[in-house]
Amino acid sequence: MDMLPVVVVHGGAGHIPKERAERSTSGVCSAARAGYAILRGGGSSMDAVVEAVALMEDNPAFNAGCGSVLNIKGEVEMDAIVMEGKTLASGAVSAVRNIANPVRLARLVMDKTSHACLTAEGANLFARQMGIPEVPMESLITDYSRMRWKKNLEPNANPVECQMGKTGTVGAVAVDAEGNIACATSTGGMLNKMEGRVGDTPCIGSGGYADNEVGAVSTTGHGEAIMKVTLARLILFHMEQGKSAEEASDLGLAYMKSRVNSLGGVVTVDPRGCWAARFSSRQMSWAAAQRDTLHHGLRSGEHFTQSIDDPH
């Protein structure tokens, strides 16, 4: 069992402009390190994925938490999910506002309610009951997000293509020393989306899925397309049929491309700690930590490694 523990994170699929690539790479590496530190200290896979994703929510380089894209009205509405593979418990929030870390709120939905998902005002009410401070919406909006929002209000704009052009959803999967598996995914959603639009991220089986008997997946890409093929569960289905994490990820992404003509990316892990970071888009920032080694990449075929304790 020396493959355990392991954590793998992604910072979204698409085309990441040069000036943002470095921030995206350092962001996923920091998130993987933070998750791994928890696992190395004997913490649970759920603690690890929530911590990793919360760090990326706090990083304006990603479309989640601070840095989220804006809806048609120029406001931030966020979605998040967590799931643990021992009991298949999950928690999610959708169209939530004024919360710095939706992934932590999703975890509370799982831990403190009998429900799987809370939405919009109900999710915010629950956050207040749980003592989670509300933050002003302005604190979640970056100049970059506002600039892209304005650009996409123009009549000839294509927000789906532009979305794939920048930064995406964030997510993580992990297996801890006890063999328990978890996933977490968080997003600001789709650029210039309608008010109240909810994508794949908080939908169990689409934005993420975790099952101790099979593995875990966290997805990124065009939410409507991911939902059509229930991408996370589709990949785990292939793993149930005996495919490796990498083969299953490629099969799921290929099916999404051929069936609904859409690109995306995933991080996947199996119960033994074998993992994959795969994408059909031009790029996806990802990082993994296992056996005191940090792995990371951005473009197709890239795979860099270094000691986890090496600061750069």
Protein backbone atom coordinates (compact mmCIF):
# COMPACT_ATOMS: atom_id res chain seq x y z
CA MET A 1 0.00 0.00 0.00
CA ASP A 2 2.96 2.35 -0.41
CA MET A 3 1.05 4.09 -3.26
CA LEU A 4 -1.11 5.69 -0.56
CA PRO A 5 -1.83 8.36 0.35
CA VAL A 6 -2.30 10.34 -2.89
CA VAL A 7 -4.02 13.57 -3.94
CA VAL A 8 -4.55 14.87 -7.50
CA VAL A 9 -5.91 18.33 -8.34
CA HIS A 10 -6.91 20.26 -11.45
CA GLY A 11 -7.30 23.97 -12.10
CA GLY A 12 -9.62 23.73 -15.08
CA ALA A 13 -9.49 22.68 -18.73
CA GLY A 14 -9.18 25.04 -21.68
CA HIS A 15 -6.55 27.29 -23.17
CA ILE A 16 -4.66 29.21 -20.52
CA PRO A 17 -2.98 32.41 -21.75
CA LYS A 18 0.79 32.61 -21.17
CA GLU A 19 0.52 35.41 -18.64
CA ARG A 20 -1.81 33.27 -16.47
CA ALA A 21 -0.20 29.86 -16.99
CA GLU A 22 2.46 30.32 -14.33
CA ARG A 23 -0.07 31.38 -11.68
CA SER A 24 -2.29 28.45 -12.60
CA THR A 25 0.61 25.98 -12.33
CA SER A 26 1.87 27.35 -9.01
CA GLY A 27 -1.74 27.36 -7.73
CA VAL A 28 -2.36 23.66 -8.43
CA CYS A 29 1.07 22.75 -7.02
CA SER A 30 0.32 24.64 -3.77
CA ALA A 31 -3.09 22.94 -3.56
CA ALA A 32 -1.60 19.46 -4.07
CA ARG A 33 1.06 20.16 -1.41
CA ALA A 34 -1.58 21.34 1.07
CA GLY A 35 -3.76 18.28 0.49
CA TYR A 36 -0.77 15.98 0.77
CA ALA A 37 0.40 17.59 4.02
CA ILE A 38 -2.96 16.68 5.55
CA LEU A 39 -2.74 13.11 4.26
CA ARG A 40 0.86 12.74 5.42
CA GLY A 41 -0.25 13.89 8.88
CA GLY A 42 -2.81 11.07 8.97
CA GLY A 43 -5.77 13.23 7.88
CA SER A 44 -8.70 12.00 5.85
CA SER A 45 -9.09 12.16 2.07
CA MET A 46 -12.13 14.41 2.59
CA ASP A 47 -10.09 16.89 4.65
CA ALA A 48 -7.40 16.82 1.96
CA VAL A 49 -9.64 17.51 -1.05
CA VAL A 50 -11.57 20.25 0.75
CA GLU A 51 -8.35 21.98 1.81
CA ALA A 52 -6.87 21.71 -1.70
CA VAL A 53 -9.98 23.09 -3.37
CA ALA A 54 -10.47 25.87 -0.78
CA LEU A 55 -6.91 27.06 -1.50
CA MET A 56 -7.76 27.29 -5.21
CA GLU A 57 -11.03 29.10 -4.40
CA ASP A 58 -8.93 31.69 -2.56
CA ASN A 59 -6.63 32.07 -5.59
CA PRO A 60 -7.88 34.62 -8.17
CA ALA A 61 -6.15 32.64 -10.96
CA PHE A 62 -9.05 30.15 -10.96
CA ASN A 63 -12.76 30.25 -11.81
CA ALA A 64 -13.95 29.40 -8.28
CA GLY A 65 -14.44 31.47 -5.15
CA CYS A 66 -12.45 34.70 -5.62
CA GLY A 67 -11.84 34.85 -9.38
CA SER A 68 -15.20 33.36 -10.39
CA VAL A 69 -16.63 34.40 -13.74
CA LEU A 70 -19.67 36.68 -13.75
CA ASN A 71 -23.22 35.90 -14.84
CA ILE A 72 -25.16 38.02 -17.35
CA LYS A 73 -25.94 40.59 -14.63
CA GLY A 74 -22.29 40.89 -13.65
CA GLU A 75 -22.72 38.93 -10.43
CA VAL A 76 -21.02 35.85 -8.96
CA GLU A 77 -22.99 32.62 -8.43
CA MET A 78 -20.97 29.55 -7.45
CA ASP A 79 -21.43 25.77 -7.38
CA ALA A 80 -19.52 23.10 -5.43
CA ILE A 81 -19.68 19.43 -4.47
CA VAL A 82 -17.92 17.01 -2.13
CA MET A 83 -18.34 13.24 -1.96
CA GLU A 84 -16.77 10.51 0.14
CA GLY A 85 -16.47 6.94 -1.08
CA LYS A 86 -17.00 4.96 2.12
CA THR A 87 -20.73 5.61 2.52
CA LEU A 88 -21.32 7.51 -0.76
CA ALA A 89 -22.27 10.57 1.30
CA SER A 90 -22.17 13.82 -0.64
CA GLY A 91 -22.96 17.49 -0.20
CA ALA A 92 -23.35 20.26 -2.74
CA VAL A 93 -24.35 23.89 -3.12
CA SER A 94 -25.49 25.65 -6.28
CA ALA A 95 -25.97 29.28 -7.32
CA VAL A 96 -24.61 30.38 -3.95
CA ARG A 97 -23.53 34.01 -3.44
CA ASN A 98 -21.26 35.98 -1.12
CA ILE A 99 -19.40 32.92 0.20
CA ALA A 100 -15.60 32.80 -0.02
CA ASN A 101 -15.37 28.99 0.07
CA PRO A 102 -18.38 27.16 -1.39
CA VAL A 103 -16.55 23.81 -1.03
CA ARG A 104 -16.55 24.21 2.76
CA LEU A 105 -20.29 24.94 2.65
CA ALA A 106 -20.82 21.81 0.51
CA ARG A 107 -18.99 19.80 3.16
CA LEU A 108 -21.34 21.17 5.82
CA VAL A 109 -24.34 20.18 3.70
CA MET A 110 -22.95 16.64 3.73
CA ASP A 111 -22.04 16.60 7.43
CA LYS A 112 -24.84 18.61 9.02
CA THR A 113 -27.98 17.99 6.93
CA SER A 114 -29.89 15.01 5.57
CA HIS A 115 -29.80 16.58 2.10
CA ALA A 116 -27.41 16.26 -0.83
CA CYS A 117 -27.72 19.76 -2.30
CA LEU A 118 -28.85 23.21 -1.21
CA THR A 119 -29.36 26.02 -3.69
CA ALA A 120 -29.28 29.82 -3.91
CA GLU A 121 -31.02 31.62 -0.98
CA GLY A 122 -31.49 28.35 0.90
CA ALA A 123 -27.77 27.61 0.72
CA ASN A 124 -26.98 31.13 1.93
CA LEU A 125 -29.46 30.82 4.79
CA PHE A 126 -27.81 27.54 5.81
CA ALA A 127 -24.38 29.22 5.65
CA ARG A 128 -25.58 31.89 8.08
CA GLN A 129 -26.97 29.22 10.42
CA MET A 130 -23.60 27.47 10.33
CA GLY A 131 -21.82 30.73 11.19
CA ILE A 132 -20.05 31.04 7.85
CA PRO A 133 -19.38 34.74 7.29
CA GLU A 134 -20.79 36.36 4.16
CA VAL A 135 -18.31 38.36 2.11
CA PRO A 136 -19.17 41.31 -0.13
CA MET A 137 -19.63 40.20 -3.73
CA GLU A 138 -17.01 42.76 -4.78
CA SER A 139 -14.36 40.74 -2.89
CA LEU A 140 -14.97 37.77 -5.22
CA ILE A 141 -14.81 39.81 -8.44
CA THR A 142 -11.45 40.41 -10.11
CA ASP A 143 -10.71 43.07 -12.74
CA TYR A 144 -10.00 40.20 -15.13
CA SER A 145 -13.47 38.68 -14.59
CA ARG A 146 -15.15 42.05 -15.05
CA MET A 147 -13.21 42.71 -18.26
CA ARG A 148 -14.23 39.33 -19.70
CA TRP A 149 -17.86 39.89 -18.69
CA LYS A 150 -17.98 43.22 -20.53
CA LYS A 151 -16.28 41.72 -23.59
CA ASN A 152 -18.86 38.94 -23.74
CA LEU A 153 -21.84 41.28 -23.56
CA GLU A 154 -21.00 42.29 -27.15
CA PRO A 155 -23.53 40.89 -29.65
CA ASN A 156 -21.06 38.71 -31.60
CA ALA A 157 -19.41 37.13 -28.53
CA ASN A 158 -19.30 33.37 -27.93
CA PRO A 159 -19.05 32.80 -24.16
CA VAL A 160 -18.63 28.99 -24.47
CA GLU A 161 -15.57 29.32 -26.69
CA CYS A 162 -14.23 32.19 -24.62
CA GLN A 163 -14.76 30.14 -21.46
CA MET A 164 -12.66 27.27 -22.80
CA GLY A 165 -10.20 30.01 -23.64
CA LYS A 166 -9.34 31.01 -20.11
CA THR A 167 -9.62 29.35 -16.77
CA GLY A 168 -11.89 26.68 -15.37
CA THR A 169 -13.44 24.83 -12.54
CA VAL A 170 -11.15 23.47 -9.81
CA GLY A 171 -11.21 20.02 -8.29
CA ALA A 172 -9.39 17.32 -6.35
CA VAL A 173 -9.49 13.57 -5.70
CA ALA A 174 -7.64 11.70 -2.96
CA VAL A 175 -7.12 8.35 -1.27
CA ASP A 176 -5.93 8.39 2.34
CA ALA A 177 -3.81 5.88 4.26
CA GLU A 178 -6.98 4.05 5.37
CA GLY A 179 -8.07 3.56 1.76
CA ASN A 180 -10.94 6.02 1.94
CA ILE A 181 -11.56 7.99 -1.25
CA ALA A 182 -13.00 11.48 -1.74
CA CYS A 183 -13.56 14.13 -4.39
CA ALA A 184 -14.33 17.85 -4.38
CA THR A 185 -15.14 20.25 -7.23
CA SER A 186 -15.90 24.00 -7.18
CA THR A 187 -16.67 26.59 -9.86
CA GLY A 188 -17.95 30.05 -10.67
CA GLY A 189 -19.71 28.42 -13.61
CA MET A 190 -19.95 29.66 -17.15
CA LEU A 191 -19.05 33.08 -18.43
CA ASN A 192 -22.09 35.39 -18.82
CA LYS A 193 -24.47 32.57 -17.87
CA MET A 194 -28.15 33.27 -17.22
CA GLU A 195 -28.99 34.11 -13.63
CA GLY A 196 -29.70 30.88 -11.74
CA ARG A 197 -27.88 28.66 -14.24
CA VAL A 198 -26.39 25.59 -12.56
CA GLY A 199 -23.79 23.48 -14.36
CA ASP A 200 -22.36 20.01 -13.87
CA THR A 201 -20.23 20.79 -10.81
CA PRO A 202 -22.80 20.27 -8.02
CA CYS A 203 -24.50 17.37 -9.83
CA ILE A 204 -23.44 14.02 -8.39
CA GLY A 205 -21.95 11.82 -11.12
CA SER A 206 -21.23 14.77 -13.39
CA GLY A 207 -19.00 17.23 -11.52
CA GLY A 208 -17.60 14.48 -9.34
CA TYR A 209 -18.10 11.04 -7.87
CA ALA A 210 -16.28 8.94 -5.26
CA ASP A 211 -16.70 5.27 -4.36
CA ASN A 212 -14.18 3.33 -2.27
CA GLU A 213 -14.84 0.24 -4.38
CA VAL A 214 -14.01 1.90 -7.71
CA GLY A 215 -12.28 5.29 -7.39
CA ALA A 216 -12.99 8.99 -7.73
CA VAL A 217 -13.20 11.59 -10.49
CA SER A 218 -13.42 15.40 -10.55
CA THR A 219 -14.30 16.99 -13.89
CA THR A 220 -13.88 20.30 -15.73
CA GLY A 221 -15.21 21.63 -19.02
CA HIS A 222 -18.52 22.77 -20.52
CA GLY A 223 -21.05 21.90 -17.82
CA GLU A 224 -24.01 21.23 -20.10
CA ALA A 225 -21.98 18.69 -22.07
CA ILE A 226 -20.54 17.01 -18.96
CA MET A 227 -24.09 16.56 -17.61
CA LYS A 228 -25.27 14.94 -20.85
CA VAL A 229 -22.75 12.12 -20.44
CA THR A 230 -22.53 12.13 -16.60
CA LEU A 231 -18.79 12.20 -17.14
CA ALA A 232 -17.52 11.35 -13.64
CA ARG A 233 -19.73 8.28 -13.28
CA LEU A 234 -19.10 7.24 -16.90
CA ILE A 235 -15.36 7.06 -16.21
CA LEU A 236 -15.91 5.04 -13.04
CA PHE A 237 -18.15 2.68 -15.02
CA HIS A 238 -15.20 1.97 -17.33
CA MET A 239 -13.03 1.37 -14.25
CA GLU A 240 -15.61 -1.10 -12.95
CA GLN A 241 -15.20 -2.91 -16.27
CA GLY A 242 -11.49 -3.29 -15.54
CA LYS A 243 -10.01 -0.25 -17.29
CA SER A 244 -7.19 1.70 -15.63
CA ALA A 245 -7.76 5.23 -14.34
CA GLU A 246 -5.97 6.61 -17.40
CA GLU A 247 -7.77 4.42 -19.97
CA ALA A 248 -11.16 5.07 -18.37
CA SER A 249 -10.54 8.84 -18.30
CA ASP A 250 -9.57 8.85 -21.99
CA LEU A 251 -12.62 6.74 -22.90
CA GLY A 252 -14.99 9.08 -21.05
CA LEU A 253 -13.48 12.20 -22.61
CA ALA A 254 -13.48 10.62 -26.10
CA TYR A 255 -17.16 9.73 -25.72
CA MET A 256 -18.01 13.29 -24.68
CA LYS A 257 -16.14 14.60 -27.72
CA SER A 258 -17.74 12.19 -30.22
CA ARG A 259 -21.27 12.22 -28.79
CA VAL A 260 -21.76 15.88 -27.84
CA ASN A 261 -18.73 17.49 -29.52
CA SER A 262 -17.27 18.91 -26.33
CA LEU A 263 -13.86 19.05 -24.68
CA GLY A 264 -12.89 18.82 -21.04
CA GLY A 265 -10.59 17.30 -18.47
CA VAL A 266 -10.55 15.12 -15.37
CA VAL A 267 -8.46 13.96 -12.45
CA THR A 268 -9.05 10.32 -11.54
CA VAL A 269 -7.79 7.94 -8.85
CA ASP A 270 -8.36 4.27 -8.07
CA PRO A 271 -8.46 2.55 -4.64
CA ARG A 272 -4.82 1.44 -4.90
CA GLY A 273 -3.61 4.97 -5.55
CA CYS A 274 -3.07 4.76 -9.32
CA TRP A 275 -4.06 8.16 -10.73
CA ALA A 276 -4.53 10.08 -13.96
CA ALA A 277 -4.86 13.70 -15.09
CA ARG A 278 -6.31 13.65 -18.61
CA PHE A 279 -7.85 16.24 -20.91
CA SER A 280 -9.10 16.66 -24.48
CA SER A 281 -8.87 20.47 -24.31
CA ARG A 282 -5.65 22.27 -25.24
CA GLN A 283 -4.51 22.54 -21.68
CA MET A 284 -5.40 21.68 -18.09
CA SER A 285 -3.30 22.71 -15.11
CA TRP A 286 -2.94 19.72 -12.78
CA ALA A 287 -0.76 18.49 -9.94
CA ALA A 288 -0.46 15.28 -7.94
CA ALA A 289 1.34 14.35 -4.74
CA GLN A 290 2.33 10.78 -3.93
CA ARG A 291 5.29 9.08 -2.24
CA ASP A 292 6.73 12.49 -1.27
CA THR A 293 6.90 13.46 -4.95
CA LEU A 294 5.07 16.35 -6.60
CA HIS A 295 3.94 15.80 -10.21
CA HIS A 296 2.50 18.56 -12.40
CA GLY A 297 1.73 19.57 -15.96
CA LEU A 298 -0.25 21.96 -18.14
CA ARG A 299 0.01 20.96 -21.81
CA SER A 300 -0.65 17.60 -23.44
CA GLY A 301 2.13 15.12 -22.68
CA GLU A 302 3.74 17.32 -20.00
CA HIS A 303 4.71 15.60 -16.75
CA PHE A 304 7.23 17.26 -14.41
CA THR A 305 8.28 15.78 -11.07
CA GLN A 306 10.12 17.10 -8.03
CA SER A 307 10.47 16.37 -4.35
CA ILE A 308 7.39 17.48 -2.40
CA ASP A 309 9.68 19.35 0.00
CA ASP A 310 11.45 21.28 -2.75
CA PRO A 311 9.86 24.76 -2.56
CA HIS A 312 10.03 25.51 -6.34
